[in-house]
Protein backbone atom coordinates (compact mmCIF):
# COMPACT_ATOMS: atom_id res chain seq x y z
CA MET A 1 124.12 49.44 96.89
CA ALA A 2 120.78 51.20 96.62
CA LEU A 3 120.02 50.35 100.24
CA SER A 4 123.25 52.00 101.30
CA LEU A 5 121.82 55.34 100.20
CA LEU A 6 119.26 55.36 102.97
CA PRO A 7 121.60 56.27 105.82
CA SER A 8 123.59 58.59 103.56
CA ALA A 9 120.57 60.60 102.52
CA LEU A 10 119.63 61.32 106.13
CA SER A 11 121.86 63.44 108.32
CA PHE A 12 120.80 62.05 111.65
CA THR A 13 120.52 64.04 114.83
CA ALA A 14 123.11 62.44 117.06
CA PRO A 15 123.78 62.42 120.76
CA ALA A 16 126.91 64.47 121.31
CA THR A 17 128.60 61.56 123.07
CA ALA A 18 128.26 59.46 119.95
CA PHE A 19 130.84 61.59 118.13
CA ARG A 20 132.94 63.55 120.56
CA SER A 21 135.14 62.77 123.50
CA GLY A 22 136.79 65.46 125.56
CA SER A 23 136.85 69.22 125.18
CA PRO A 24 137.11 70.66 121.65
CA SER A 25 140.02 72.84 122.72
CA MET A 26 142.09 69.95 124.05
CA SER A 27 145.30 69.05 122.31
CA VAL A 28 146.14 65.45 121.60
CA LEU A 29 147.37 63.51 124.60
CA LYS A 30 149.08 60.16 124.53
CA GLY A 31 146.75 57.35 125.46
CA GLN A 32 143.65 58.94 123.94
CA PRO A 33 141.52 56.66 121.74
CA PHE A 34 142.07 56.55 118.00
CA CYS A 35 140.53 59.63 116.31
CA LYS A 36 139.24 60.83 119.67
CA GLY A 37 136.90 57.87 119.88
CA LEU A 38 134.93 58.65 116.72
CA PRO A 39 133.26 55.64 115.08
CA GLY A 40 134.91 54.25 111.99
CA ALA A 41 137.85 52.15 113.20
CA ILE A 42 136.19 49.00 111.88
CA SER A 43 137.33 45.81 110.21
CA PRO A 44 139.08 44.90 108.05
CA LEU A 45 141.41 47.92 108.34
CA GLY A 46 140.70 48.98 111.91
CA GLU A 47 142.69 52.02 113.06
CA PHE A 48 143.79 52.98 109.55
CA ASP A 49 145.58 56.32 109.21
CA PRO A 50 148.87 55.61 107.39
CA LEU A 51 149.53 59.30 106.61
CA GLY A 52 148.91 60.41 110.19
CA PHE A 53 146.16 62.94 109.53
CA SER A 54 144.78 62.40 113.04
CA ASN A 55 148.14 62.76 114.76
CA ASP A 56 148.86 65.82 116.91
CA VAL A 57 145.51 67.49 116.27
CA ASP A 58 142.68 68.44 118.57
CA VAL A 59 139.09 67.23 118.65
CA LEU A 60 137.77 69.96 116.35
CA GLU A 61 140.28 69.07 113.64
CA VAL A 62 139.40 65.37 113.85
CA ASN A 63 135.74 66.35 113.57
CA ARG A 64 136.55 68.50 110.52
CA LEU A 65 138.21 65.54 108.81
CA ARG A 66 135.23 63.33 109.65
CA GLU A 67 132.86 65.96 108.24
CA ALA A 68 134.80 65.86 104.97
CA GLU A 69 134.75 62.05 104.91
CA LEU A 70 131.00 61.92 105.50
CA ALA A 71 130.27 64.54 102.83
CA HIS A 72 132.38 62.75 100.24
CA GLY A 73 131.08 59.33 101.27
CA ARG A 74 127.46 60.39 100.83
CA VAL A 75 128.22 61.86 97.41
CA GLY A 76 130.13 58.69 96.54
CA MET A 77 127.16 56.48 97.39
CA LEU A 78 124.80 58.62 95.32
CA ALA A 79 127.27 58.69 92.44
CA ALA A 80 127.79 54.93 92.49
CA ALA A 81 124.03 54.34 92.46
CA GLY A 82 123.73 56.88 89.66
CA PHE A 83 126.21 55.00 87.51
CA LEU A 84 124.26 51.79 88.07
CA VAL A 85 120.90 53.35 87.18
CA GLN A 86 121.09 56.49 85.05
CA GLU A 87 122.96 55.07 82.08
CA LYS A 88 119.96 52.86 81.42
CA PHE A 89 117.16 54.93 82.94
CA HIS A 90 117.21 58.67 82.20
CA PRO A 91 113.62 59.63 81.28
CA LEU A 92 114.09 63.40 81.49
CA PHE A 93 116.80 63.57 78.84
CA GLY A 94 116.47 60.40 76.82
CA ALA A 95 118.81 61.57 74.06
CA ASP A 96 121.76 61.82 76.43
CA GLY A 97 122.90 58.20 76.36
CA GLY A 98 126.34 56.73 76.74
CA PRO A 99 128.83 57.06 79.59
CA ALA A 100 127.74 59.23 82.49
CA ILE A 101 130.93 61.28 82.25
CA ASN A 102 129.67 62.51 78.85
CA GLN A 103 126.08 63.12 79.91
CA ILE A 104 126.50 66.16 82.13
CA PRO A 105 128.14 68.37 79.45
CA ALA A 106 125.23 67.48 77.12
CA LEU A 107 122.53 68.69 79.51
CA PRO A 108 120.57 71.89 78.71
CA PRO A 109 122.26 75.06 80.05
CA VAL A 110 119.22 75.94 82.17
CA LEU A 111 119.69 72.71 84.09
CA TRP A 112 123.28 73.66 84.79
CA PHE A 113 122.09 76.85 86.50
CA GLY A 114 119.48 74.94 88.48
CA LEU A 115 122.02 72.32 89.54
CA THR A 116 124.49 75.00 90.59
CA ALA A 117 121.84 76.84 92.60
CA ALA A 118 120.72 73.64 94.35
CA ILE A 119 124.28 72.71 95.31
CA ALA A 120 124.96 76.27 96.52
CA ALA A 121 121.82 76.24 98.67
CA ALA A 122 122.65 72.86 100.22
CA GLU A 123 126.24 73.87 100.95
CA THR A 124 125.13 77.21 102.41
CA LEU A 125 122.84 75.43 104.86
CA ARG A 126 125.61 72.98 105.79
CA ILE A 127 128.10 75.79 106.37
CA GLN A 128 125.67 77.77 108.50
CA LYS A 129 124.87 74.69 110.55
CA GLY A 130 128.37 73.46 111.28
CA TRP A 131 131.11 75.95 110.50
CA ALA A 132 132.44 78.77 112.65
CA ASN A 133 132.36 82.32 111.36
CA PRO A 134 135.87 82.99 109.96
CA TYR A 135 135.46 86.71 110.69
CA ASP A 136 134.97 86.23 114.42
CA THR A 137 137.91 87.69 116.31
CA GLU A 138 137.81 85.00 119.00
CA PRO A 139 138.92 81.58 117.67
CA THR A 140 136.83 78.55 118.61
CA ALA A 141 139.91 76.42 119.19
CA ARG A 142 143.60 76.26 118.51
CA PHE A 143 144.86 73.70 116.02
CA THR A 144 148.39 72.48 116.53
CA ASN A 145 148.76 71.85 112.80
CA PHE A 146 147.26 75.09 111.44
CA PRO A 147 149.37 77.97 110.11
CA SER A 148 147.48 80.52 112.20
CA GLU A 149 146.41 79.69 115.73
CA ASP A 150 144.19 82.77 115.97
CA SER A 151 141.77 82.09 113.14
CA ASN A 152 138.38 80.45 112.74
CA PHE A 153 139.17 79.69 109.11
CA GLN A 154 137.90 76.20 108.20
CA GLN A 155 136.95 75.40 111.78
CA LEU A 156 133.78 73.67 112.90
CA LYS A 157 131.60 74.98 115.69
CA PRO A 158 132.54 73.30 118.99
CA ASP A 159 129.01 71.95 119.50
CA TYR A 160 128.53 70.66 115.94
CA VAL A 161 128.37 66.91 115.38
CA PRO A 162 130.01 65.89 112.07
CA GLY A 163 127.38 65.00 109.48
CA ASP A 164 124.44 66.04 111.65
CA LEU A 165 122.23 68.47 109.77
CA GLY A 166 119.19 67.70 111.89
CA PHE A 167 117.39 65.89 109.07
CA ASP A 168 115.71 62.61 109.98
CA PRO A 169 112.12 62.78 108.67
CA LEU A 170 111.57 59.02 108.99
CA GLY A 171 112.89 58.86 112.56
CA LEU A 172 115.42 56.14 111.76
CA ALA A 173 118.10 57.32 114.17
CA PRO A 174 118.18 55.00 117.21
CA ASP A 175 117.96 56.48 120.68
CA ASP A 176 120.36 53.92 122.10
CA ALA A 177 123.98 55.15 121.87
CA ASP A 178 125.38 51.71 120.92
CA ASP A 179 122.79 51.20 118.19
CA PHE A 180 123.42 54.71 116.90
CA ARG A 181 127.17 54.10 116.76
CA ALA A 182 126.56 50.89 114.81
CA MET A 183 124.45 52.83 112.30
CA GLN A 184 127.21 55.43 111.98
CA GLU A 185 129.73 52.71 111.23
CA LYS A 186 127.45 51.21 108.59
CA GLU A 187 127.16 54.59 106.90
CA LEU A 188 130.94 55.04 106.98
CA SER A 189 131.52 51.56 105.54
CA ASN A 190 129.05 52.16 102.71
CA GLY A 191 130.37 55.67 102.12
CA ARG A 192 133.96 54.48 101.81
CA LEU A 193 132.86 51.73 99.44
CA GLY A 194 130.80 54.26 97.48
CA MET A 195 133.79 56.56 97.00
CA ILE A 196 135.93 53.69 95.71
CA ALA A 197 133.11 52.43 93.47
CA ALA A 198 132.42 55.87 91.98
CA ALA A 199 136.14 56.37 91.28
CA GLY A 200 136.20 52.95 89.61
CA PHE A 201 133.22 53.77 87.40
CA LEU A 202 134.82 57.07 86.37
CA ALA A 203 138.17 55.46 85.59
CA GLN A 204 136.61 52.59 83.63
CA GLU A 205 134.46 54.88 81.49
CA ALA A 206 137.30 57.34 80.90
CA VAL A 207 139.61 54.55 79.72
CA THR A 208 137.15 52.48 77.68
CA GLY A 209 134.76 55.20 76.46
CA SER A 210 131.79 52.92 77.12
CA THR A 211 129.29 52.44 79.92
CA TRP A 212 129.94 49.81 82.55
CA GLY A 213 127.06 47.72 81.19
CA THR A 214 128.35 47.81 77.62
CA TYR A 215 131.85 47.01 78.80
CA TRP A 216 130.62 43.91 80.62
CA GLY A 217 128.57 42.57 77.68
CA LEU A 218 125.20 44.32 77.98
CA PRO A 219 124.92 46.07 74.59
CA ASP A 220 121.68 47.89 75.42
CA PHE A 221 122.94 49.33 78.72
């Protein structure tokens, strides 16, 4: 699980062809690939979209949904690793033991402000990088499923690649398009697993009131 954090912590710079197919302003046409050809239709579920979120939407809307999935998947991987580690190892605030869901409210108020500021800064950079200005009078695209067709509200920039914040200090992103797509699919697989795992940790601790280690017979964890 810890190794799965590596691709999640890096928002790779991607070739545009690795994510997008077709013009951002195109509406859905029959015969187009699943989710406009984005990576992620992988085993065991394959082309899994039972609620039809990707139906009758254009490329920018599919990219917006993928951006949300990547953001939540990366948080899920970090959260799952945090549950595995922090309940045993928390050197900064050693008195805050017990389930992780009870640790955050017990943190010093100054840390709350620092945490809020850090999250705000990260989200501000992400918004500036990928999201269209909602006050622009000219919309970037027209969504067939949006209430207003003349708004940039919650729309990505046409040239933005979902998840790509231009951060790859170790140079791990492959240059080959096929290798890069394989890495994207690994990140998606680990991110989806991370979201499920984090939800499971939260549910287990909320129901039992004990850490996962204590619940499974490790009294000092």
